[in-house]
Amino acid sequence: MDASSLRAARTQLTDSAPLVHCLTNTVVQAFTANALLAVGAAPAMVDAPEEAAEFASVASAVLVNVGTVHARTAEAMRLAARAANAAGTPWVLDPVAVGGLSFRTDLAAELVALRPTVVRGNASEVLALVGAGAGGRGVDSTAAADDALAAAEELARRTGGVVAVSGEVDAVTDGSTTVRVGGGSVLLTRTTGAGCALGALVAAYVAATGDPLTGTVAAHAHVALAAEIAADLADGPGTFAAQWLDALDALDGDALAAADVRTS
């Protein structure tokens, strides 16, 4: 993963303005939409079972986030994932709090079987998806990213896609190549919806680049760099959220090319 790939990814996203279909956590819908708009993508929050499959087939990418799932939205997620697969549309699974609650854990297993393009979660969530853990503390991880690297590689090989594990240093793998993305700020963990927004940005970048590994790394780098800028300007988590959105908007390809990204 070199600087030119990240620079190109930012340009591709700006030029294509991908339409991201978000079936996501009700707590964070507006924040997620604003993050997508800030990077130059177009958000849509269509989570009715009657519409989800139809919209997934015409969107540029789909995000499936199980954060506040219930029976109706779970069915919409299944339909959207199947429709995305049929249309060749990339889709991202964000398995929020999987492992601790049986309904969402069973649903996530169904969705993994549909082979998401990218799975993006914290270490505890990724471990739970492969049956190697019982989840974290609610939505928070109790494991470090490197603790889940072997599980992430296994999951990537199982799905044929990419798995991203968030942590102090994020790890992104396709099962053979692993890329680590450093930077960011602890204030991301004190901002409701930052991780959920990251899942949406992954979907946008994967749609724009047509390359799941490059797109996922670019999204993580964009989020981390913007967080560093925002943290320098913020007085606390409240002002950080606004500054982060502004920084997401301001970052260009040259800035993204300077991200702390290492391939192994």
Protein backbone atom coordinates (compact mmCIF):
# COMPACT_ATOMS: atom_id res chain seq x y z
CA MET A 1 0.00 0.00 0.00
CA ASP A 2 1.83 3.10 -1.20
CA ALA A 3 1.18 6.82 -1.02
CA SER A 4 0.05 7.03 -4.64
CA SER A 5 -2.71 4.48 -4.02
CA LEU A 6 -4.08 6.51 -1.13
CA ARG A 7 -3.85 9.76 -3.09
CA ALA A 8 -5.69 8.17 -5.99
CA ALA A 9 -8.37 6.75 -3.68
CA ARG A 10 -9.22 10.22 -2.39
CA THR A 11 -9.50 11.56 -5.93
CA GLN A 12 -11.67 8.64 -7.01
CA LEU A 13 -14.07 9.19 -4.13
CA THR A 14 -14.38 12.91 -4.87
CA ASP A 15 -14.91 12.31 -8.57
CA SER A 16 -17.46 9.48 -8.21
CA ALA A 17 -19.50 10.73 -5.21
CA PRO A 18 -20.71 7.18 -4.42
CA LEU A 19 -24.24 6.65 -3.16
CA VAL A 20 -24.02 4.65 0.09
CA HIS A 21 -27.11 2.77 1.22
CA CYS A 22 -26.96 2.66 5.03
CA LEU A 23 -28.94 0.18 7.09
CA THR A 24 -27.49 1.38 10.33
CA ASN A 25 -27.72 2.14 14.00
CA THR A 26 -30.60 4.56 14.70
CA VAL A 27 -28.43 6.33 17.29
CA VAL A 28 -25.99 7.50 14.62
CA GLN A 29 -27.91 7.96 11.38
CA ALA A 30 -27.51 11.73 11.14
CA PHE A 31 -23.85 11.64 12.17
CA THR A 32 -23.12 8.90 9.63
CA ALA A 33 -24.89 10.85 6.90
CA ASN A 34 -22.90 13.97 7.73
CA ALA A 35 -19.60 12.05 7.66
CA LEU A 36 -20.42 10.68 4.21
CA LEU A 37 -21.33 14.13 2.95
CA ALA A 38 -18.11 15.54 4.42
CA VAL A 39 -15.91 13.20 2.37
CA GLY A 40 -17.91 13.78 -0.82
CA ALA A 41 -20.20 10.73 -0.82
CA ALA A 42 -24.00 10.65 -0.87
CA PRO A 43 -25.89 8.96 2.01
CA ALA A 44 -29.26 7.23 1.97
CA MET A 45 -30.93 5.69 5.01
CA VAL A 46 -33.34 3.12 3.56
CA ASP A 47 -34.10 0.36 6.06
CA ALA A 48 -37.64 -0.79 5.26
CA PRO A 49 -37.82 -4.42 4.09
CA GLU A 50 -40.17 -3.29 1.31
CA GLU A 51 -37.44 -1.05 -0.16
CA ALA A 52 -34.09 -2.36 1.00
CA ALA A 53 -33.42 -4.87 -1.77
CA GLU A 54 -34.54 -2.51 -4.53
CA PHE A 55 -32.34 0.30 -3.26
CA ALA A 56 -29.33 -1.94 -2.62
CA SER A 57 -29.37 -3.00 -6.26
CA VAL A 58 -28.95 0.59 -7.48
CA ALA A 59 -26.67 2.03 -4.77
CA SER A 60 -22.90 2.28 -5.18
CA ALA A 61 -22.34 0.42 -1.91
CA VAL A 62 -24.27 -0.88 1.09
CA LEU A 63 -23.54 -0.65 4.81
CA VAL A 64 -25.16 -3.18 7.15
CA ASN A 65 -24.69 -2.13 10.78
CA VAL A 66 -26.47 -4.22 13.44
CA GLY A 67 -26.16 -1.68 16.24
CA THR A 68 -29.88 -1.25 17.05
CA VAL A 69 -31.30 -4.17 15.11
CA HIS A 70 -34.81 -5.59 15.47
CA ALA A 71 -36.81 -8.15 13.50
CA ARG A 72 -37.93 -5.78 10.75
CA THR A 73 -34.54 -4.21 10.10
CA ALA A 74 -32.87 -7.62 10.33
CA GLU A 75 -35.01 -8.78 7.41
CA ALA A 76 -34.16 -5.61 5.49
CA MET A 77 -30.47 -6.34 6.08
CA ARG A 78 -30.77 -9.88 4.76
CA LEU A 79 -32.62 -8.64 1.68
CA ALA A 80 -30.17 -5.82 1.04
CA ALA A 81 -27.14 -8.09 1.35
CA ARG A 82 -28.60 -10.62 -1.07
CA ALA A 83 -29.55 -7.90 -3.53
CA ALA A 84 -26.10 -6.34 -3.31
CA ASN A 85 -24.52 -9.69 -4.08
CA ALA A 86 -26.83 -10.22 -7.04
CA ALA A 87 -26.02 -6.77 -8.42
CA GLY A 88 -22.28 -7.03 -7.78
CA THR A 89 -22.49 -4.15 -5.32
CA PRO A 90 -19.88 -4.02 -2.53
CA TRP A 91 -21.28 -4.20 0.98
CA VAL A 92 -19.83 -3.74 4.44
CA LEU A 93 -20.86 -5.57 7.61
CA ASP A 94 -20.37 -3.76 10.92
CA PRO A 95 -21.12 -6.37 13.63
CA VAL A 96 -21.76 -3.98 16.51
CA ALA A 97 -21.76 -5.71 19.93
CA VAL A 98 -21.86 -9.19 18.37
CA GLY A 99 -21.09 -11.98 20.82
CA GLY A 100 -22.89 -10.60 23.82
CA LEU A 101 -26.47 -10.88 22.54
CA SER A 102 -27.81 -13.94 20.76
CA PHE A 103 -30.20 -12.28 18.27
CA ARG A 104 -27.59 -10.04 16.67
CA THR A 105 -24.93 -12.73 16.92
CA ASP A 106 -27.11 -15.20 15.00
CA LEU A 107 -27.97 -12.50 12.45
CA ALA A 108 -24.30 -11.62 11.99
CA ALA A 109 -23.52 -15.28 11.32
CA GLU A 110 -26.19 -15.31 8.60
CA LEU A 111 -24.75 -12.15 7.08
CA VAL A 112 -21.18 -13.47 7.16
CA ALA A 113 -22.42 -16.51 5.23
CA LEU A 114 -23.54 -14.07 2.51
CA ARG A 115 -19.88 -13.08 2.10
CA PRO A 116 -19.63 -9.34 2.78
CA THR A 117 -17.03 -7.42 0.80
CA VAL A 118 -15.67 -6.00 4.06
CA VAL A 119 -16.24 -6.77 7.73
CA ARG A 120 -15.32 -3.82 9.96
CA GLY A 121 -15.41 -4.17 13.71
CA ASN A 122 -13.44 -3.97 16.92
CA ALA A 123 -11.29 -6.85 18.12
CA SER A 124 -13.92 -8.40 20.41
CA GLU A 125 -16.51 -8.35 17.62
CA VAL A 126 -14.19 -10.00 15.11
CA LEU A 127 -13.20 -12.68 17.62
CA ALA A 128 -16.88 -13.38 18.32
CA LEU A 129 -17.64 -13.75 14.60
CA VAL A 130 -15.23 -16.68 14.34
CA GLY A 131 -16.38 -18.23 17.62
CA ALA A 132 -13.25 -17.27 19.51
CA GLY A 133 -14.81 -14.92 22.05
CA ALA A 134 -18.03 -13.82 23.70
CA GLY A 135 -17.92 -10.20 22.61
CA GLY A 136 -16.81 -7.09 24.42
CA ARG A 137 -18.30 -4.77 27.00
CA GLY A 138 -21.37 -3.62 25.10
CA VAL A 139 -20.09 -1.84 22.01
CA ASP A 140 -16.58 -1.52 23.45
CA SER A 141 -13.77 -3.98 22.80
CA THR A 142 -12.00 -5.76 25.61
CA ALA A 143 -9.25 -7.00 23.27
CA ALA A 144 -6.56 -5.26 21.22
CA ALA A 145 -6.49 -5.30 17.42
CA ASP A 146 -3.50 -7.63 17.27
CA ASP A 147 -5.31 -10.11 19.55
CA ALA A 148 -7.84 -10.56 16.75
CA LEU A 149 -5.46 -10.59 13.79
CA ALA A 150 -5.46 -14.37 13.33
CA ALA A 151 -9.26 -14.39 13.59
CA ALA A 152 -9.47 -11.55 11.06
CA GLU A 153 -7.28 -13.44 8.60
CA GLU A 154 -9.41 -16.56 9.03
CA LEU A 155 -12.60 -14.56 8.52
CA ALA A 156 -11.22 -12.85 5.41
CA ARG A 157 -10.36 -16.20 3.87
CA ARG A 158 -13.83 -17.51 4.75
CA THR A 159 -15.66 -14.59 3.12
CA GLY A 160 -13.20 -13.96 0.30
CA GLY A 161 -13.18 -10.31 1.33
CA VAL A 162 -11.41 -7.91 3.67
CA VAL A 163 -11.61 -7.66 7.46
CA ALA A 164 -10.70 -4.50 9.35
CA VAL A 165 -10.06 -4.50 13.09
CA SER A 166 -10.17 -1.14 14.87
CA GLY A 167 -7.82 -0.34 17.73
CA GLU A 168 -5.02 2.00 18.73
CA VAL A 169 -3.47 0.80 15.48
CA ASP A 170 -6.03 -0.54 13.02
CA ALA A 171 -5.33 -3.79 11.17
CA VAL A 172 -6.79 -4.45 7.71
CA THR A 173 -6.32 -7.85 6.07
CA ASP A 174 -7.48 -9.81 3.04
CA GLY A 175 -6.21 -13.04 4.58
CA SER A 176 -2.73 -12.81 3.08
CA THR A 177 -1.73 -9.14 3.16
CA THR A 178 -2.12 -7.10 6.33
CA VAL A 179 -1.96 -3.31 6.46
CA ARG A 180 -1.71 -1.38 9.72
CA VAL A 181 -3.05 2.16 9.98
CA GLY A 182 -1.79 4.31 12.83
CA GLY A 183 -2.75 7.73 14.10
CA GLY A 184 -6.15 8.90 15.26
CA SER A 185 -7.19 10.19 18.67
CA VAL A 186 -8.67 8.75 21.84
CA LEU A 187 -11.50 11.26 21.38
CA LEU A 188 -12.88 9.03 18.63
CA THR A 189 -13.79 6.56 21.38
CA ARG A 190 -15.70 9.31 23.19
CA THR A 191 -17.74 10.33 20.14
CA THR A 192 -20.96 8.41 19.57
CA GLY A 193 -21.06 7.13 16.03
CA ALA A 194 -17.43 7.52 15.01
CA GLY A 195 -16.96 3.79 14.46
CA CYS A 196 -20.31 3.47 12.71
CA ALA A 197 -19.41 6.38 10.43
CA LEU A 198 -16.11 4.65 9.65
CA GLY A 199 -18.06 1.65 8.34
CA ALA A 200 -19.97 3.95 5.99
CA LEU A 201 -16.75 5.59 4.79
CA VAL A 202 -15.29 2.14 4.11
CA ALA A 203 -18.31 1.43 1.90
CA ALA A 204 -17.83 4.74 0.08
CA TYR A 205 -14.12 4.21 -0.54
CA VAL A 206 -14.54 0.60 -1.66
CA ALA A 207 -17.20 1.70 -4.15
CA ALA A 208 -15.00 4.54 -5.43
CA THR A 209 -11.81 2.50 -5.82
CA GLY A 210 -13.21 -0.87 -6.81
CA ASP A 211 -10.53 -2.37 -4.55
CA PRO A 212 -11.69 -3.61 -1.14
CA LEU A 213 -8.24 -3.62 0.49
CA THR A 214 -7.16 -0.20 -0.79
CA GLY A 215 -10.57 1.33 -0.13
CA THR A 216 -10.73 0.01 3.42
CA VAL A 217 -7.23 1.25 4.23
CA ALA A 218 -7.97 4.66 2.71
CA ALA A 219 -11.12 5.05 4.82
CA HIS A 220 -9.25 4.17 8.02
CA ALA A 221 -6.43 6.55 7.14
CA HIS A 222 -8.87 9.36 6.36
CA VAL A 223 -10.65 8.91 9.69
CA ALA A 224 -7.38 8.75 11.65
CA LEU A 225 -5.85 11.83 10.05
CA ALA A 226 -9.03 13.84 10.49
CA ALA A 227 -9.15 12.81 14.16
CA GLU A 228 -5.61 14.09 14.73
CA ILE A 229 -6.50 17.45 13.22
CA ALA A 230 -9.74 17.67 15.18
CA ALA A 231 -8.09 16.73 18.47
CA ASP A 232 -5.62 19.61 18.12
CA LEU A 233 -8.49 22.08 17.71
CA ALA A 234 -11.09 20.66 20.09
CA ASP A 235 -11.79 21.54 23.72
CA GLY A 236 -13.37 18.15 24.39
CA PRO A 237 -15.58 15.48 22.81
CA GLY A 238 -18.38 17.90 21.90
CA THR A 239 -16.24 20.25 19.87
CA PHE A 240 -14.19 17.31 18.60
CA ALA A 241 -17.20 15.87 16.76
CA ALA A 242 -17.76 19.09 14.82
CA GLN A 243 -14.05 19.59 14.16
CA TRP A 244 -13.78 15.99 12.95
CA LEU A 245 -16.49 16.49 10.34
CA ASP A 246 -14.74 19.64 9.15
CA ALA A 247 -11.42 17.79 8.95
CA LEU A 248 -12.99 14.93 7.00
CA ASP A 249 -14.12 17.51 4.46
CA ALA A 250 -10.78 19.32 4.30
CA LEU A 251 -8.42 16.37 3.79
CA ASP A 252 -7.21 15.98 0.22
CA GLY A 253 -5.23 13.29 -1.58
CA ASP A 254 -1.85 14.72 -0.64
CA ALA A 255 -2.80 14.65 3.04
CA LEU A 256 -4.04 11.07 2.75
CA ALA A 257 -0.81 10.04 1.04
CA ALA A 258 1.07 11.04 4.21
CA ALA A 259 -0.90 8.70 6.46
CA ASP A 260 0.81 6.25 8.83
CA VAL A 261 0.23 3.08 6.78
CA ARG A 262 2.45 -0.03 6.91
CA THR A 263 2.06 -3.25 4.93
CA SER A 264 3.17 -6.70 6.07
